[in-house]
Amino acid sequence: MYEARYLLSIEELINEVPEQDLGQGSAREALFQRASFRVDEERREKARRMRTARARAACLGGGLLLQLAVGEAVRAGSAGSFYDLGRYSVTELLERLEDLPYFPLAYRYGENGKPYFRDFPLQFNLSHSGNYVLCAVSEEEIGADIQQHCGKNVEKISGRFFSKREAEAIAAEQAGEEREKLFYRLWARKEAYGKLTGKGIAGVLETELLPREAQEPQGSAGLKSAHIDAMVLPNGRRLLWEEFILTVAKTCQVTRLTSGKQHILARQLNLQYAPTANFTAYENDIMKEMSFNVENYPEDNYSIAFCQFGI
């Protein structure tokens, strides 16, 4: 059976890049144009109607990932393949797509608005949160979701929308960080399951989706290894889960004004700072000072969930 999963960082389409890196014009707008030319017409028009750069970036990012997914599936042919979670930046993805043909994708929609490819025998699912877009394709129905941990009142929300056992499990966690992790893990599960069934999250909120154990994906910083889980739903159907935790460094910008235009000097301040000739001595001093205060820029966590019906 053919399956593939992809994760795209859209940060390049959200944060401005210094003009001198491009030569002239805006690097971000140049990337927007390249991405727009590479997605299908429906997705291009949808992105055009979006009001914010983040929304347009997520929409175009999803279109780029669908081009990649279909292109790689067509190239693989009838051979059953499973592609692990491939990670890309927008630039990397556009470069990868240069080796694949363009597909004028068209869609049909299910009863509750769930999209399907009109002309390809693949199921797909898209999700976006924060600076990332997630995509999954399979020959079987699949649900996928990514959720950025963003510090909401998780106990209040879970008490209102989750099952009693789910809310109690969240409240039982000793540390606030652990409560937040379990909340977003469950929220990603519910979103993914709602997409799998086509009911949306509103149609599955009351379905209890607690993992069989509290074990989380383990690994070093970055994308932690998958945690595999299975459960039997009240209707007797078996549900298979694959979950990840993505940990990324929050970014910060130090800016200066040159000819009235804002230039980004540096990001990723939690990485070891090294002076650079591109900055003035004064700017380097600022960056060196800020690099000692990296606790002000904590990591971002994302919960990722994929689910399918099992035999």
C-alpha atoms as a PDB file:
ATOM      1  CA  MET A   1       0.000   0.000   0.000  1.00  0.00           C
ATOM      2  CA  TYR A   2       1.294   3.460  -0.885  1.00  0.00           C
ATOM      3  CA  GLU A   3       1.576   6.009   1.912  1.00  0.00           C
ATOM      4  CA  ALA A   4       3.560   9.206   2.381  1.00  0.00           C
ATOM      5  CA  ARG A   5       3.698  11.971   4.984  1.00  0.00           C
ATOM      6  CA  TYR A   6       5.267  15.417   4.662  1.00  0.00           C
ATOM      7  CA  LEU A   7       5.989  18.363   6.947  1.00  0.00           C
ATOM      8  CA  LEU A   8       6.667  21.817   5.510  1.00  0.00           C
ATOM      9  CA  SER A   9       8.013  24.873   7.325  1.00  0.00           C
ATOM     10  CA  ILE A  10       6.411  28.004   5.843  1.00  0.00           C
ATOM     11  CA  GLU A  11       8.549  30.417   7.858  1.00  0.00           C
ATOM     12  CA  GLU A  12      10.208  31.742   4.689  1.00  0.00           C
ATOM     13  CA  LEU A  13       6.800  32.909   3.468  1.00  0.00           C
ATOM     14  CA  ILE A  14       5.961  34.574   6.770  1.00  0.00           C
ATOM     15  CA  ASN A  15       9.172  36.347   7.808  1.00  0.00           C
ATOM     16  CA  GLU A  16      10.738  38.924   5.565  1.00  0.00           C
ATOM     17  CA  VAL A  17      14.257  38.271   4.241  1.00  0.00           C
ATOM     18  CA  PRO A  18      16.928  40.967   3.680  1.00  0.00           C
ATOM     19  CA  GLU A  19      16.673  42.432   0.197  1.00  0.00           C
ATOM     20  CA  GLN A  20      20.389  42.066  -0.461  1.00  0.00           C
ATOM     21  CA  ASP A  21      19.997  38.279  -0.321  1.00  0.00           C
ATOM     22  CA  LEU A  22      17.830  38.460  -3.431  1.00  0.00           C
ATOM     23  CA  GLY A  23      19.391  41.353  -5.280  1.00  0.00           C
ATOM     24  CA  GLN A  24      16.202  43.323  -5.797  1.00  0.00           C
ATOM     25  CA  GLY A  25      12.591  43.104  -4.745  1.00  0.00           C
ATOM     26  CA  SER A  26      11.238  41.160  -1.800  1.00  0.00           C
ATOM     27  CA  ALA A  27      12.538  37.638  -1.260  1.00  0.00           C
ATOM     28  CA  ARG A  28       9.300  36.680   0.416  1.00  0.00           C
ATOM     29  CA  GLU A  29       7.169  37.952  -2.455  1.00  0.00           C
ATOM     30  CA  ALA A  30       9.453  36.180  -4.929  1.00  0.00           C
ATOM     31  CA  LEU A  31       8.871  32.924  -3.060  1.00  0.00           C
ATOM     32  CA  PHE A  32       5.126  33.600  -2.998  1.00  0.00           C
ATOM     33  CA  GLN A  33       5.164  33.978  -6.785  1.00  0.00           C
ATOM     34  CA  ARG A  34       7.198  30.803  -7.309  1.00  0.00           C
ATOM     35  CA  ALA A  35       4.870  28.866  -5.020  1.00  0.00           C
ATOM     36  CA  SER A  36       1.755  30.282  -6.720  1.00  0.00           C
ATOM     37  CA  PHE A  37       2.960  29.186 -10.152  1.00  0.00           C
ATOM     38  CA  ARG A  38       3.513  25.619  -8.876  1.00  0.00           C
ATOM     39  CA  VAL A  39       0.140  24.892  -7.234  1.00  0.00           C
ATOM     40  CA  ASP A  40      -3.154  23.999  -8.879  1.00  0.00           C
ATOM     41  CA  GLU A  41      -5.578  26.709  -9.995  1.00  0.00           C
ATOM     42  CA  GLU A  42      -8.128  26.145  -7.228  1.00  0.00           C
ATOM     43  CA  ARG A  43      -5.487  26.375  -4.526  1.00  0.00           C
ATOM     44  CA  ARG A  44      -3.930  29.455  -6.163  1.00  0.00           C
ATOM     45  CA  GLU A  45      -7.282  31.254  -6.203  1.00  0.00           C
ATOM     46  CA  LYS A  46      -7.997  30.221  -2.616  1.00  0.00           C
ATOM     47  CA  ALA A  47      -4.637  31.628  -1.485  1.00  0.00           C
ATOM     48  CA  ARG A  48      -5.307  34.879  -3.357  1.00  0.00           C
ATOM     49  CA  ARG A  49      -8.454  35.418  -1.263  1.00  0.00           C
ATOM     50  CA  MET A  50      -6.616  34.978   2.042  1.00  0.00           C
ATOM     51  CA  ARG A  51      -6.168  38.210   3.995  1.00  0.00           C
ATOM     52  CA  THR A  52      -2.913  37.478   5.848  1.00  0.00           C
ATOM     53  CA  ALA A  53       0.532  36.354   4.749  1.00  0.00           C
ATOM     54  CA  ARG A  54       0.354  33.407   7.153  1.00  0.00           C
ATOM     55  CA  ALA A  55      -2.954  32.176   5.739  1.00  0.00           C
ATOM     56  CA  ARG A  56      -1.699  32.547   2.155  1.00  0.00           C
ATOM     57  CA  ALA A  57       1.521  30.757   3.075  1.00  0.00           C
ATOM     58  CA  ALA A  58      -0.352  27.838   4.643  1.00  0.00           C
ATOM     59  CA  CYS A  59      -2.675  27.554   1.652  1.00  0.00           C
ATOM     60  CA  LEU A  60       0.152  27.616  -0.893  1.00  0.00           C
ATOM     61  CA  GLY A  61       2.229  25.291   1.273  1.00  0.00           C
ATOM     62  CA  GLY A  62      -0.564  22.750   1.234  1.00  0.00           C
ATOM     63  CA  GLY A  63      -0.767  23.027  -2.557  1.00  0.00           C
ATOM     64  CA  LEU A  64       2.986  22.484  -2.913  1.00  0.00           C
ATOM     65  CA  LEU A  65       2.843  19.396  -0.710  1.00  0.00           C
ATOM     66  CA  LEU A  66      -0.005  17.965  -2.784  1.00  0.00           C
ATOM     67  CA  GLN A  67       2.081  18.460  -5.932  1.00  0.00           C
ATOM     68  CA  LEU A  68       4.934  16.604  -4.257  1.00  0.00           C
ATOM     69  CA  ALA A  69       2.666  13.834  -2.961  1.00  0.00           C
ATOM     70  CA  VAL A  70       1.048  13.147  -6.339  1.00  0.00           C
ATOM     71  CA  GLY A  71       4.345  13.470  -8.207  1.00  0.00           C
ATOM     72  CA  GLU A  72       6.122  10.973  -5.994  1.00  0.00           C
ATOM     73  CA  ALA A  73       3.136   8.604  -6.028  1.00  0.00           C
ATOM     74  CA  VAL A  74       3.011   8.635  -9.841  1.00  0.00           C
ATOM     75  CA  ARG A  75       6.768   8.073 -10.016  1.00  0.00           C
ATOM     76  CA  ALA A  76       6.533   5.144  -7.576  1.00  0.00           C
ATOM     77  CA  GLY A  77       3.851   3.528  -9.746  1.00  0.00           C
ATOM     78  CA  SER A  78       2.167   0.375  -8.513  1.00  0.00           C
ATOM     79  CA  ALA A  79       4.993  -0.513  -6.146  1.00  0.00           C
ATOM     80  CA  GLY A  80       3.758  -0.408  -2.570  1.00  0.00           C
ATOM     81  CA  SER A  81       5.781   2.205  -0.706  1.00  0.00           C
ATOM     82  CA  PHE A  82       5.802   3.958   2.638  1.00  0.00           C
ATOM     83  CA  TYR A  83       7.568   7.280   2.963  1.00  0.00           C
ATOM     84  CA  ASP A  84       8.490   8.417   6.451  1.00  0.00           C
ATOM     85  CA  LEU A  85       7.777  11.985   7.512  1.00  0.00           C
ATOM     86  CA  GLY A  86       9.720  14.071   4.992  1.00  0.00           C
ATOM     87  CA  ARG A  87      10.642  17.577   6.129  1.00  0.00           C
ATOM     88  CA  TYR A  88      11.100  20.578   3.852  1.00  0.00           C
ATOM     89  CA  SER A  89      11.502  24.322   3.815  1.00  0.00           C
ATOM     90  CA  VAL A  90       9.667  26.188   1.042  1.00  0.00           C
ATOM     91  CA  THR A  91      12.908  26.648  -0.921  1.00  0.00           C
ATOM     92  CA  GLU A  92      13.821  22.974  -0.556  1.00  0.00           C
ATOM     93  CA  LEU A  93      10.365  21.885  -1.643  1.00  0.00           C
ATOM     94  CA  LEU A  94      10.375  24.110  -4.723  1.00  0.00           C
ATOM     95  CA  GLU A  95      13.769  22.676  -5.673  1.00  0.00           C
ATOM     96  CA  ARG A  96      12.446  19.138  -5.216  1.00  0.00           C
ATOM     97  CA  LEU A  97       9.431  19.920  -7.411  1.00  0.00           C
ATOM     98  CA  GLU A  98      11.736  20.932 -10.265  1.00  0.00           C
ATOM     99  CA  ASP A  99      12.386  17.206 -10.749  1.00  0.00           C
ATOM    100  CA  LEU A 100       8.670  16.369 -10.931  1.00  0.00           C
ATOM    101  CA  PRO A 101       5.983  17.254 -13.485  1.00  0.00           C
ATOM    102  CA  TYR A 102       3.256  19.760 -12.688  1.00  0.00           C
ATOM    103  CA  PHE A 103      -0.213  18.293 -12.074  1.00  0.00           C
ATOM    104  CA  PRO A 104      -3.379  20.392 -12.703  1.00  0.00           C
ATOM    105  CA  LEU A 105      -5.086  18.889  -9.655  1.00  0.00           C
ATOM    106  CA  ALA A 106      -8.858  19.033  -9.322  1.00  0.00           C
ATOM    107  CA  TYR A 107     -11.025  18.073  -6.376  1.00  0.00           C
ATOM    108  CA  ARG A 108     -14.412  16.706  -5.425  1.00  0.00           C
ATOM    109  CA  TYR A 109     -15.976  17.085  -1.993  1.00  0.00           C
ATOM    110  CA  GLY A 110     -17.754  14.709   0.348  1.00  0.00           C
ATOM    111  CA  GLU A 111     -20.973  15.252   2.256  1.00  0.00           C
ATOM    112  CA  ASN A 112     -19.326  17.354   4.981  1.00  0.00           C
ATOM    113  CA  GLY A 113     -16.866  19.114   2.696  1.00  0.00           C
ATOM    114  CA  LYS A 114     -14.002  16.631   2.954  1.00  0.00           C
ATOM    115  CA  PRO A 115     -11.827  17.034  -0.168  1.00  0.00           C
ATOM    116  CA  TYR A 116     -10.713  14.211  -2.471  1.00  0.00           C
ATOM    117  CA  PHE A 117      -8.618  14.142  -5.612  1.00  0.00           C
ATOM    118  CA  ARG A 118     -10.920  13.972  -8.600  1.00  0.00           C
ATOM    119  CA  ASP A 119      -8.480  12.197 -10.917  1.00  0.00           C
ATOM    120  CA  PHE A 120      -6.089  10.258  -8.669  1.00  0.00           C
ATOM    121  CA  PRO A 121      -6.844   7.118  -6.602  1.00  0.00           C
ATOM    122  CA  LEU A 122      -5.250   8.540  -3.449  1.00  0.00           C
ATOM    123  CA  GLN A 123      -6.723   9.858  -0.224  1.00  0.00           C
ATOM    124  CA  PHE A 124      -5.116  12.960   1.273  1.00  0.00           C
ATOM    125  CA  ASN A 125      -5.287  15.113   4.359  1.00  0.00           C
ATOM    126  CA  LEU A 126      -3.816  18.552   5.095  1.00  0.00           C
ATOM    127  CA  SER A 127      -3.347  20.407   8.368  1.00  0.00           C
ATOM    128  CA  HIS A 128      -1.537  23.569   9.383  1.00  0.00           C
ATOM    129  CA  SER A 129      -0.603  25.216  12.662  1.00  0.00           C
ATOM    130  CA  GLY A 130       1.950  27.858  13.558  1.00  0.00           C
ATOM    131  CA  ASN A 131       4.762  27.763  11.004  1.00  0.00           C
ATOM    132  CA  TYR A 132       4.040  24.286   9.644  1.00  0.00           C
ATOM    133  CA  VAL A 133       1.852  22.506   7.119  1.00  0.00           C
ATOM    134  CA  LEU A 134       1.310  18.759   7.356  1.00  0.00           C
ATOM    135  CA  CYS A 135       0.271  16.452   4.524  1.00  0.00           C
ATOM    136  CA  ALA A 136      -0.567  12.752   4.384  1.00  0.00           C
ATOM    137  CA  VAL A 137      -1.520  10.638   1.370  1.00  0.00           C
ATOM    138  CA  SER A 138      -2.563   7.009   1.264  1.00  0.00           C
ATOM    139  CA  GLU A 139      -4.492   4.509  -0.795  1.00  0.00           C
ATOM    140  CA  GLU A 140      -6.780   4.198   2.251  1.00  0.00           C
ATOM    141  CA  GLU A 141      -8.634   6.912   4.162  1.00  0.00           C
ATOM    142  CA  ILE A 142      -6.266   8.788   6.472  1.00  0.00           C
ATOM    143  CA  GLY A 143      -6.536  11.561   9.044  1.00  0.00           C
ATOM    144  CA  ALA A 144      -3.695  13.932   9.931  1.00  0.00           C
ATOM    145  CA  ASP A 145      -3.330  16.921  12.214  1.00  0.00           C
ATOM    146  CA  ILE A 146      -0.680  19.199  13.678  1.00  0.00           C
ATOM    147  CA  GLN A 147      -1.266  21.422  16.714  1.00  0.00           C
ATOM    148  CA  GLN A 148       1.072  24.085  18.050  1.00  0.00           C
ATOM    149  CA  HIS A 149       1.153  24.196  21.847  1.00  0.00           C
ATOM    150  CA  CYS A 150       0.089  27.763  22.555  1.00  0.00           C
ATOM    151  CA  GLY A 151      -0.672  27.956  26.265  1.00  0.00           C
ATOM    152  CA  LYS A 152      -4.467  28.009  26.357  1.00  0.00           C
ATOM    153  CA  ASN A 153      -6.434  27.266  29.514  1.00  0.00           C
ATOM    154  CA  VAL A 154      -6.299  23.552  28.816  1.00  0.00           C
ATOM    155  CA  GLU A 155      -8.166  22.425  31.940  1.00  0.00           C
ATOM    156  CA  LYS A 156     -11.125  24.707  31.250  1.00  0.00           C
ATOM    157  CA  ILE A 157     -11.335  23.729  27.583  1.00  0.00           C
ATOM    158  CA  SER A 158     -10.916  20.003  28.221  1.00  0.00           C
ATOM    159  CA  GLY A 159     -13.533  20.141  30.993  1.00  0.00           C
ATOM    160  CA  ARG A 160     -16.014  21.651  28.567  1.00  0.00           C
ATOM    161  CA  PHE A 161     -15.309  19.705  25.367  1.00  0.00           C
ATOM    162  CA  PHE A 162     -13.515  16.452  26.232  1.00  0.00           C
ATOM    163  CA  SER A 163     -14.885  13.295  27.801  1.00  0.00           C
ATOM    164  CA  LYS A 164     -14.868  13.037  31.588  1.00  0.00           C
ATOM    165  CA  ARG A 165     -11.987  10.547  31.569  1.00  0.00           C
ATOM    166  CA  GLU A 166      -9.943  12.692  29.178  1.00  0.00           C
ATOM    167  CA  ALA A 167     -10.474  15.829  31.284  1.00  0.00           C
ATOM    168  CA  GLU A 168      -9.569  13.928  34.468  1.00  0.00           C
ATOM    169  CA  ALA A 169      -6.370  12.584  32.850  1.00  0.00           C
ATOM    170  CA  ILE A 170      -5.302  16.126  31.907  1.00  0.00           C
ATOM    171  CA  ALA A 171      -6.107  17.514  35.366  1.00  0.00           C
ATOM    172  CA  ALA A 172      -4.166  14.644  36.989  1.00  0.00           C
ATOM    173  CA  GLU A 173      -0.887  15.700  35.392  1.00  0.00           C
ATOM    174  CA  GLN A 174       1.313  17.289  38.075  1.00  0.00           C
ATOM    175  CA  ALA A 175       3.094  19.898  35.953  1.00  0.00           C
ATOM    176  CA  GLY A 176       1.389  22.508  33.784  1.00  0.00           C
ATOM    177  CA  GLU A 177       3.673  21.650  30.867  1.00  0.00           C
ATOM    178  CA  GLU A 178       2.615  17.988  31.012  1.00  0.00           C
ATOM    179  CA  ARG A 179      -1.066  18.965  31.128  1.00  0.00           C
ATOM    180  CA  GLU A 180      -0.541  21.091  28.032  1.00  0.00           C
ATOM    181  CA  LYS A 181       1.252  18.270  26.197  1.00  0.00           C
ATOM    182  CA  LEU A 182      -1.522  15.777  26.882  1.00  0.00           C
ATOM    183  CA  PHE A 183      -4.204  18.316  25.950  1.00  0.00           C
ATOM    184  CA  TYR A 184      -2.661  19.073  22.549  1.00  0.00           C
ATOM    185  CA  ARG A 185      -1.918  15.416  21.940  1.00  0.00           C
ATOM    186  CA  LEU A 186      -5.605  14.666  22.451  1.00  0.00           C
ATOM    187  CA  TRP A 187      -6.690  17.695  20.418  1.00  0.00           C
ATOM    188  CA  ALA A 188      -4.511  16.560  17.488  1.00  0.00           C
ATOM    189  CA  ARG A 189      -6.021  13.086  17.813  1.00  0.00           C
ATOM    190  CA  LYS A 190      -9.565  14.460  17.710  1.00  0.00           C
ATOM    191  CA  GLU A 191      -8.833  16.670  14.703  1.00  0.00           C
ATOM    192  CA  ALA A 192      -7.163  13.785  12.844  1.00  0.00           C
ATOM    193  CA  TYR A 193     -10.014  11.408  13.659  1.00  0.00           C
ATOM    194  CA  GLY A 194     -12.600  13.994  12.582  1.00  0.00           C
ATOM    195  CA  LYS A 195     -10.806  14.326   9.250  1.00  0.00           C
ATOM    196  CA  LEU A 196     -10.535  10.574   8.857  1.00  0.00           C
ATOM    197  CA  THR A 197     -14.284  10.129   9.280  1.00  0.00           C
ATOM    198  CA  GLY A 198     -15.222  13.297   7.417  1.00  0.00           C
ATOM    199  CA  LYS A 199     -17.290  14.468  10.400  1.00  0.00           C
ATOM    200  CA  GLY A 200     -14.891  17.201  11.510  1.00  0.00           C
ATOM    201  CA  ILE A 201     -13.878  17.773  15.102  1.00  0.00           C
ATOM    202  CA  ALA A 202     -17.390  18.859  16.131  1.00  0.00           C
ATOM    203  CA  GLY A 203     -18.657  15.431  15.176  1.00  0.00           C
ATOM    204  CA  VAL A 204     -16.101  13.482  17.202  1.00  0.00           C
ATOM    205  CA  LEU A 205     -15.456  15.582  20.323  1.00  0.00           C
ATOM    206  CA  GLU A 206     -17.390  13.156  22.495  1.00  0.00           C
ATOM    207  CA  THR A 207     -15.416  10.158  21.202  1.00  0.00           C
ATOM    208  CA  GLU A 208     -12.860   9.176  23.844  1.00  0.00           C
ATOM    209  CA  LEU A 209      -9.410   8.991  22.262  1.00  0.00           C
ATOM    210  CA  LEU A 210      -7.120   8.620  25.277  1.00  0.00           C
ATOM    211  CA  PRO A 211      -3.924   6.739  24.407  1.00  0.00           C
ATOM    212  CA  ARG A 212      -3.602   3.330  26.022  1.00  0.00           C
ATOM    213  CA  GLU A 213      -0.679   4.626  28.054  1.00  0.00           C
ATOM    214  CA  ALA A 214       0.856   7.972  28.894  1.00  0.00           C
ATOM    215  CA  GLN A 215       4.003   7.212  26.876  1.00  0.00           C
ATOM    216  CA  GLU A 216       4.965  10.032  24.537  1.00  0.00           C
ATOM    217  CA  PRO A 217       7.223  10.018  21.490  1.00  0.00           C
ATOM    218  CA  GLN A 218      10.829   9.920  22.654  1.00  0.00           C
ATOM    219  CA  GLY A 219      13.975  11.378  21.146  1.00  0.00           C
ATOM    220  CA  SER A 220      16.283  14.362  21.020  1.00  0.00           C
ATOM    221  CA  ALA A 221      15.290  17.923  20.203  1.00  0.00           C
ATOM    222  CA  GLY A 222      13.632  18.248  16.833  1.00  0.00           C
ATOM    223  CA  LEU A 223      11.230  15.651  15.488  1.00  0.00           C
ATOM    224  CA  LYS A 224      10.948  12.901  18.052  1.00  0.00           C
ATOM    225  CA  SER A 225      10.472   9.317  16.992  1.00  0.00           C
ATOM    226  CA  ALA A 226       6.951   8.108  16.366  1.00  0.00           C
ATOM    227  CA  HIS A 227       4.781   6.560  19.029  1.00  0.00           C
ATOM    228  CA  ILE A 228       2.549   3.827  17.639  1.00  0.00           C
ATOM    229  CA  ASP A 229      -0.770   3.112  19.305  1.00  0.00           C
ATOM    230  CA  ALA A 230      -3.955   1.223  18.522  1.00  0.00           C
ATOM    231  CA  MET A 231      -7.403   1.298  20.073  1.00  0.00           C
ATOM    232  CA  VAL A 232     -10.836  -0.218  19.553  1.00  0.00           C
ATOM    233  CA  LEU A 233     -13.694   2.258  19.166  1.00  0.00           C
ATOM    234  CA  PRO A 234     -17.106   1.719  20.787  1.00  0.00           C
ATOM    235  CA  ASN A 235     -18.451   0.648  17.377  1.00  0.00           C
ATOM    236  CA  GLY A 236     -15.844  -2.129  17.254  1.00  0.00           C
ATOM    237  CA  ARG A 237     -13.610  -0.562  14.600  1.00  0.00           C
ATOM    238  CA  ARG A 238      -9.877  -0.614  15.211  1.00  0.00           C
ATOM    239  CA  LEU A 239      -8.070   2.727  15.022  1.00  0.00           C
ATOM    240  CA  LEU A 240      -4.321   2.918  14.382  1.00  0.00           C
ATOM    241  CA  TRP A 241      -2.266   5.914  15.516  1.00  0.00           C
ATOM    242  CA  GLU A 242       1.174   7.266  14.711  1.00  0.00           C
ATOM    243  CA  GLU A 243       2.237  10.356  16.664  1.00  0.00           C
ATOM    244  CA  PHE A 244       5.182  12.720  16.784  1.00  0.00           C
ATOM    245  CA  ILE A 245       6.323  15.606  18.933  1.00  0.00           C
ATOM    246  CA  LEU A 246       8.061  18.390  17.010  1.00  0.00           C
ATOM    247  CA  THR A 247      10.258  20.727  19.057  1.00  0.00           C
ATOM    248  CA  VAL A 248      11.658  23.806  17.336  1.00  0.00           C
ATOM    249  CA  ALA A 249      13.454  26.901  18.507  1.00  0.00           C
ATOM    250  CA  LYS A 250      11.337  30.016  18.714  1.00  0.00           C
ATOM    251  CA  THR A 251      12.700  32.789  16.589  1.00  0.00           C
ATOM    252  CA  CYS A 252      13.370  36.388  17.413  1.00  0.00           C
ATOM    253  CA  GLN A 253      14.234  39.258  15.122  1.00  0.00           C
ATOM    254  CA  VAL A 254      16.591  42.171  15.594  1.00  0.00           C
ATOM    255  CA  THR A 255      15.913  44.787  12.972  1.00  0.00           C
ATOM    256  CA  ARG A 256      17.447  47.936  11.601  1.00  0.00           C
ATOM    257  CA  LEU A 257      16.145  50.551   9.171  1.00  0.00           C
ATOM    258  CA  THR A 258      18.078  51.066   5.947  1.00  0.00           C
ATOM    259  CA  SER A 259      16.674  53.510   3.410  1.00  0.00           C
ATOM    260  CA  GLY A 260      13.372  53.262   5.256  1.00  0.00           C
ATOM    261  CA  LYS A 261      13.144  49.467   4.826  1.00  0.00           C
ATOM    262  CA  GLN A 262      13.284  46.946   7.619  1.00  0.00           C
ATOM    263  CA  HIS A 263      16.036  44.332   7.419  1.00  0.00           C
ATOM    264  CA  ILE A 264      16.250  41.236   9.553  1.00  0.00           C
ATOM    265  CA  LEU A 265      19.669  40.866  11.155  1.00  0.00           C
ATOM    266  CA  ALA A 266      19.420  37.544  12.934  1.00  0.00           C
ATOM    267  CA  ARG A 267      17.103  34.861  14.179  1.00  0.00           C
ATOM    268  CA  GLN A 268      17.440  31.639  16.182  1.00  0.00           C
ATOM    269  CA  LEU A 269      19.010  33.376  19.179  1.00  0.00           C
ATOM    270  CA  ASN A 270      18.999  30.181  21.187  1.00  0.00           C
ATOM    271  CA  LEU A 271      21.706  28.858  18.890  1.00  0.00           C
ATOM    272  CA  GLN A 272      25.296  29.741  19.735  1.00  0.00           C
ATOM    273  CA  TYR A 273      25.925  33.225  18.456  1.00  0.00           C
ATOM    274  CA  ALA A 274      28.982  33.991  16.312  1.00  0.00           C
ATOM    275  CA  PRO A 275      29.877  37.519  15.126  1.00  0.00           C
ATOM    276  CA  THR A 276      29.375  38.109  11.418  1.00  0.00           C
ATOM    277  CA  ALA A 277      30.863  40.629   9.020  1.00  0.00           C
ATOM    278  CA  ASN A 278      27.362  41.484   7.777  1.00  0.00           C
ATOM    279  CA  PHE A 279      26.640  43.360  11.012  1.00  0.00           C
ATOM    280  CA  THR A 280      28.278  46.473  12.416  1.00  0.00           C
ATOM    281  CA  ALA A 281      30.328  46.180  15.606  1.00  0.00           C
ATOM    282  CA  TYR A 282      27.437  47.747  17.524  1.00  0.00           C
ATOM    283  CA  GLU A 283      24.966  45.247  16.077  1.00  0.00           C
ATOM    284  CA  ASN A 284      27.288  42.366  16.923  1.00  0.00           C
ATOM    285  CA  ASP A 285      27.475  43.623  20.511  1.00  0.00           C
ATOM    286  CA  ILE A 286      23.674  43.666  20.691  1.00  0.00           C
ATOM    287  CA  MET A 287      23.461  40.131  19.345  1.00  0.00           C
ATOM    288  CA  LYS A 288      26.117  38.866  21.738  1.00  0.00           C
ATOM    289  CA  GLU A 289      24.273  40.393  24.688  1.00  0.00           C
ATOM    290  CA  MET A 290      20.940  38.956  23.602  1.00  0.00           C
ATOM    291  CA  SER A 291      22.402  35.483  23.130  1.00  0.00           C
ATOM    292  CA  PHE A 292      22.957  35.261  26.898  1.00  0.00           C
ATOM    293  CA  ASN A 293      19.219  35.657  27.504  1.00  0.00           C
ATOM    294  CA  VAL A 294      17.940  32.718  25.495  1.00  0.00           C
ATOM    295  CA  GLU A 295      15.564  31.641  28.273  1.00  0.00           C
ATOM    296  CA  ASN A 296      13.357  34.482  27.041  1.00  0.00           C
ATOM    297  CA  TYR A 297      12.878  32.550  23.802  1.00  0.00           C
ATOM    298  CA  PRO A 298      11.663  29.074  24.787  1.00  0.00           C
ATOM    299  CA  GLU A 299      11.057  26.217  22.390  1.00  0.00           C
ATOM    300  CA  ASP A 300       7.862  25.687  20.435  1.00  0.00           C
ATOM    301  CA  ASN A 301       6.223  22.280  20.661  1.00  0.00           C
ATOM    302  CA  TYR A 302       3.837  20.743  18.146  1.00  0.00           C
ATOM    303  CA  SER A 303       1.765  17.579  18.458  1.00  0.00           C
ATOM    304  CA  ILE A 304       1.353  15.583  15.247  1.00  0.00           C
ATOM    305  CA  ALA A 305      -1.125  12.734  14.806  1.00  0.00           C
ATOM    306  CA  PHE A 306      -1.945  10.372  11.937  1.00  0.00           C
ATOM    307  CA  CYS A 307      -4.764   7.839  12.133  1.00  0.00           C
ATOM    308  CA  GLN A 308      -6.292   5.151   9.960  1.00  0.00           C
ATOM    309  CA  PHE A 309      -8.789   2.387  10.391  1.00  0.00           C
ATOM    310  CA  GLY A 310      -7.211  -1.020  10.952  1.00  0.00           C
ATOM    311  CA  ILE A 311      -8.351  -4.531  10.227  1.00  0.00           C
END
